[in-house]
N, C-alpha and C. Protein backbone atom coordinates (compact mmCIF):
# COMPACT_ATOMS: atom_id res chain seq x y z
N MET A 1 25.35 -49.87 -170.88
CA MET A 1 26.14 -50.04 -169.67
C MET A 1 25.81 -48.91 -168.70
N PRO A 2 25.55 -49.23 -167.43
CA PRO A 2 25.19 -48.19 -166.47
C PRO A 2 26.38 -47.31 -166.10
N LYS A 3 26.05 -46.16 -165.55
CA LYS A 3 27.11 -45.25 -165.10
C LYS A 3 27.86 -45.85 -163.93
N MET A 4 29.14 -45.52 -163.82
CA MET A 4 29.93 -45.97 -162.67
C MET A 4 29.67 -45.01 -161.52
N LYS A 5 29.61 -45.53 -160.31
CA LYS A 5 29.37 -44.68 -159.14
C LYS A 5 30.69 -44.17 -158.59
N THR A 6 30.68 -42.90 -158.23
CA THR A 6 31.84 -42.29 -157.57
C THR A 6 31.77 -42.60 -156.09
N ARG A 7 32.91 -42.94 -155.49
CA ARG A 7 32.96 -43.11 -154.04
C ARG A 7 32.89 -41.72 -153.43
N LYS A 8 31.78 -41.39 -152.78
CA LYS A 8 31.54 -40.03 -152.31
C LYS A 8 32.55 -39.62 -151.23
N ALA A 9 33.01 -40.56 -150.41
CA ALA A 9 34.01 -40.23 -149.39
C ALA A 9 35.30 -39.77 -150.04
N ALA A 10 35.68 -40.43 -151.14
CA ALA A 10 36.91 -40.05 -151.85
C ALA A 10 36.72 -38.72 -152.57
N ALA A 11 35.52 -38.48 -153.09
CA ALA A 11 35.26 -37.24 -153.81
C ALA A 11 35.36 -36.03 -152.88
N LYS A 12 35.03 -36.23 -151.60
CA LYS A 12 35.12 -35.14 -150.64
C LYS A 12 36.55 -34.90 -150.19
N ARG A 13 37.39 -35.92 -150.25
CA ARG A 13 38.76 -35.80 -149.75
C ARG A 13 39.76 -35.39 -150.82
N TYR A 14 39.55 -35.79 -152.05
CA TYR A 14 40.53 -35.59 -153.11
C TYR A 14 39.99 -34.70 -154.22
N LYS A 15 40.90 -33.94 -154.83
CA LYS A 15 40.58 -33.16 -156.03
C LYS A 15 41.68 -33.44 -157.05
N LEU A 16 41.34 -33.37 -158.32
CA LEU A 16 42.33 -33.60 -159.36
C LEU A 16 42.85 -32.27 -159.89
N THR A 17 44.15 -32.21 -160.11
CA THR A 17 44.75 -31.01 -160.70
C THR A 17 44.60 -31.09 -162.21
N ALA A 18 44.95 -30.01 -162.89
CA ALA A 18 44.83 -29.97 -164.35
C ALA A 18 45.76 -30.97 -165.02
N SER A 19 46.90 -31.26 -164.38
CA SER A 19 47.84 -32.22 -164.95
C SER A 19 47.52 -33.66 -164.57
N GLY A 20 46.46 -33.86 -163.76
CA GLY A 20 46.01 -35.21 -163.44
C GLY A 20 46.51 -35.74 -162.11
N LYS A 21 47.23 -34.92 -161.35
CA LYS A 21 47.69 -35.37 -160.04
C LYS A 21 46.53 -35.27 -159.05
N VAL A 22 46.65 -36.00 -157.93
CA VAL A 22 45.60 -36.02 -156.92
C VAL A 22 46.04 -35.17 -155.74
N LYS A 23 45.21 -34.18 -155.40
CA LYS A 23 45.51 -33.22 -154.35
C LYS A 23 44.64 -33.53 -153.14
N TYR A 24 45.17 -33.30 -151.94
CA TYR A 24 44.40 -33.54 -150.72
C TYR A 24 44.77 -32.52 -149.66
N LYS A 25 43.91 -32.36 -148.64
CA LYS A 25 44.22 -31.47 -147.54
C LYS A 25 44.94 -32.27 -146.47
N LYS A 26 46.04 -31.71 -145.96
CA LYS A 26 46.83 -32.41 -144.95
C LYS A 26 46.08 -32.47 -143.62
N GLN A 27 46.29 -33.56 -142.90
CA GLN A 27 45.63 -33.76 -141.61
C GLN A 27 46.48 -33.19 -140.49
N GLY A 28 45.82 -32.92 -139.37
CA GLY A 28 46.55 -32.48 -138.18
C GLY A 28 46.41 -31.01 -137.86
N LEU A 29 45.42 -30.33 -138.44
CA LEU A 29 45.30 -28.89 -138.20
C LEU A 29 43.92 -28.53 -137.64
N ARG A 30 43.27 -29.48 -136.96
CA ARG A 30 41.93 -29.24 -136.46
C ARG A 30 41.91 -28.86 -134.97
N HIS A 31 42.67 -29.57 -134.16
CA HIS A 31 42.68 -29.28 -132.72
C HIS A 31 44.03 -29.65 -132.13
N ILE A 32 44.24 -29.38 -130.86
CA ILE A 32 45.52 -29.56 -130.16
C ILE A 32 46.63 -28.83 -130.92
N LEU A 33 46.42 -27.57 -131.18
CA LEU A 33 47.36 -26.79 -131.98
C LEU A 33 48.43 -26.11 -131.13
N THR A 34 48.24 -26.07 -129.81
CA THR A 34 49.19 -25.33 -128.97
C THR A 34 50.55 -26.01 -128.90
N LYS A 35 50.57 -27.33 -128.96
CA LYS A 35 51.86 -28.03 -128.86
C LYS A 35 52.58 -28.13 -130.21
N LYS A 36 51.91 -27.77 -131.30
CA LYS A 36 52.54 -27.82 -132.61
C LYS A 36 53.23 -26.50 -132.90
N SER A 37 54.39 -26.58 -133.53
CA SER A 37 55.16 -25.37 -133.81
C SER A 37 54.49 -24.56 -134.92
N THR A 38 54.81 -23.28 -134.96
CA THR A 38 54.24 -22.39 -135.98
C THR A 38 54.64 -22.85 -137.37
N LYS A 39 55.87 -23.29 -137.52
CA LYS A 39 56.36 -23.77 -138.81
C LYS A 39 55.57 -25.00 -139.28
N ARG A 40 55.32 -25.90 -138.33
CA ARG A 40 54.57 -27.12 -138.66
C ARG A 40 53.15 -26.78 -139.08
N LYS A 41 52.50 -25.88 -138.35
CA LYS A 41 51.12 -25.49 -138.68
C LYS A 41 51.07 -24.78 -140.03
N ARG A 42 52.05 -23.96 -140.31
CA ARG A 42 52.10 -23.24 -141.58
C ARG A 42 52.24 -24.22 -142.75
N ASN A 43 53.08 -25.25 -142.58
CA ASN A 43 53.27 -26.24 -143.64
C ASN A 43 52.04 -27.13 -143.82
N LEU A 44 51.27 -27.32 -142.76
CA LEU A 44 50.05 -28.13 -142.86
C LEU A 44 48.93 -27.41 -143.61
N ARG A 45 49.02 -26.09 -143.71
CA ARG A 45 47.97 -25.33 -144.42
C ARG A 45 47.93 -25.65 -145.91
N HIS A 46 49.09 -25.91 -146.49
CA HIS A 46 49.16 -26.15 -147.93
C HIS A 46 48.66 -27.55 -148.27
N SER A 47 48.06 -27.70 -149.42
CA SER A 47 47.57 -29.01 -149.82
C SER A 47 48.73 -29.88 -150.26
N GLY A 48 48.55 -31.19 -150.13
CA GLY A 48 49.58 -32.14 -150.52
C GLY A 48 49.22 -32.86 -151.81
N ILE A 49 50.21 -33.51 -152.40
CA ILE A 49 50.02 -34.29 -153.62
C ILE A 49 50.29 -35.75 -153.27
N LEU A 50 49.39 -36.65 -153.65
CA LEU A 50 49.58 -38.06 -153.35
C LEU A 50 50.75 -38.62 -154.14
N SER A 51 51.39 -39.65 -153.57
CA SER A 51 52.47 -40.33 -154.28
C SER A 51 51.88 -41.12 -155.46
N ALA A 52 52.74 -41.55 -156.35
CA ALA A 52 52.28 -42.24 -157.57
C ALA A 52 51.49 -43.50 -157.24
N ALA A 53 51.95 -44.27 -156.25
CA ALA A 53 51.26 -45.51 -155.88
C ALA A 53 49.88 -45.22 -155.30
N GLU A 54 49.79 -44.18 -154.46
CA GLU A 54 48.51 -43.82 -153.86
C GLU A 54 47.57 -43.19 -154.89
N GLN A 55 48.14 -42.50 -155.88
CA GLN A 55 47.31 -41.88 -156.92
C GLN A 55 46.55 -42.93 -157.71
N LYS A 56 47.19 -44.07 -157.98
CA LYS A 56 46.51 -45.13 -158.72
C LYS A 56 45.29 -45.63 -157.97
N LYS A 57 45.42 -45.77 -156.64
CA LYS A 57 44.30 -46.24 -155.82
C LYS A 57 43.17 -45.19 -155.80
N ALA A 58 43.56 -43.93 -155.66
CA ALA A 58 42.55 -42.86 -155.56
C ALA A 58 41.82 -42.66 -156.89
N ARG A 59 42.50 -42.84 -158.01
CA ARG A 59 41.86 -42.63 -159.32
C ARG A 59 40.79 -43.68 -159.57
N LYS A 60 40.92 -44.88 -159.00
CA LYS A 60 39.91 -45.92 -159.15
C LYS A 60 38.62 -45.53 -158.41
N LEU A 61 38.77 -44.75 -157.34
CA LEU A 61 37.60 -44.33 -156.55
C LEU A 61 36.91 -43.15 -157.18
N LEU A 62 37.60 -42.46 -158.11
CA LEU A 62 37.04 -41.27 -158.77
C LEU A 62 36.99 -41.52 -160.28
N PRO A 63 36.06 -42.32 -160.75
CA PRO A 63 36.07 -42.69 -162.17
C PRO A 63 35.85 -41.52 -163.13
N TYR A 64 35.12 -40.50 -162.69
CA TYR A 64 34.85 -39.36 -163.58
C TYR A 64 35.60 -38.12 -163.15
N GLY A 65 36.58 -38.27 -162.27
CA GLY A 65 37.29 -37.13 -161.72
C GLY A 65 38.32 -36.55 -162.64
């Protein structure tokens, strides 16, 4: 049986934690930062964890992740 291919776009966006959760970088911190509050920008710096329903979809795209 051939190897399964990883979706490279998903591999660049998501990382798996040691407990198996899917981690991602939050969007909205690239440009137009002057109108965003300091608190909002600070919270966007931290990585997010996908919800359970979204994790199932992301795990299918990362077969060896």
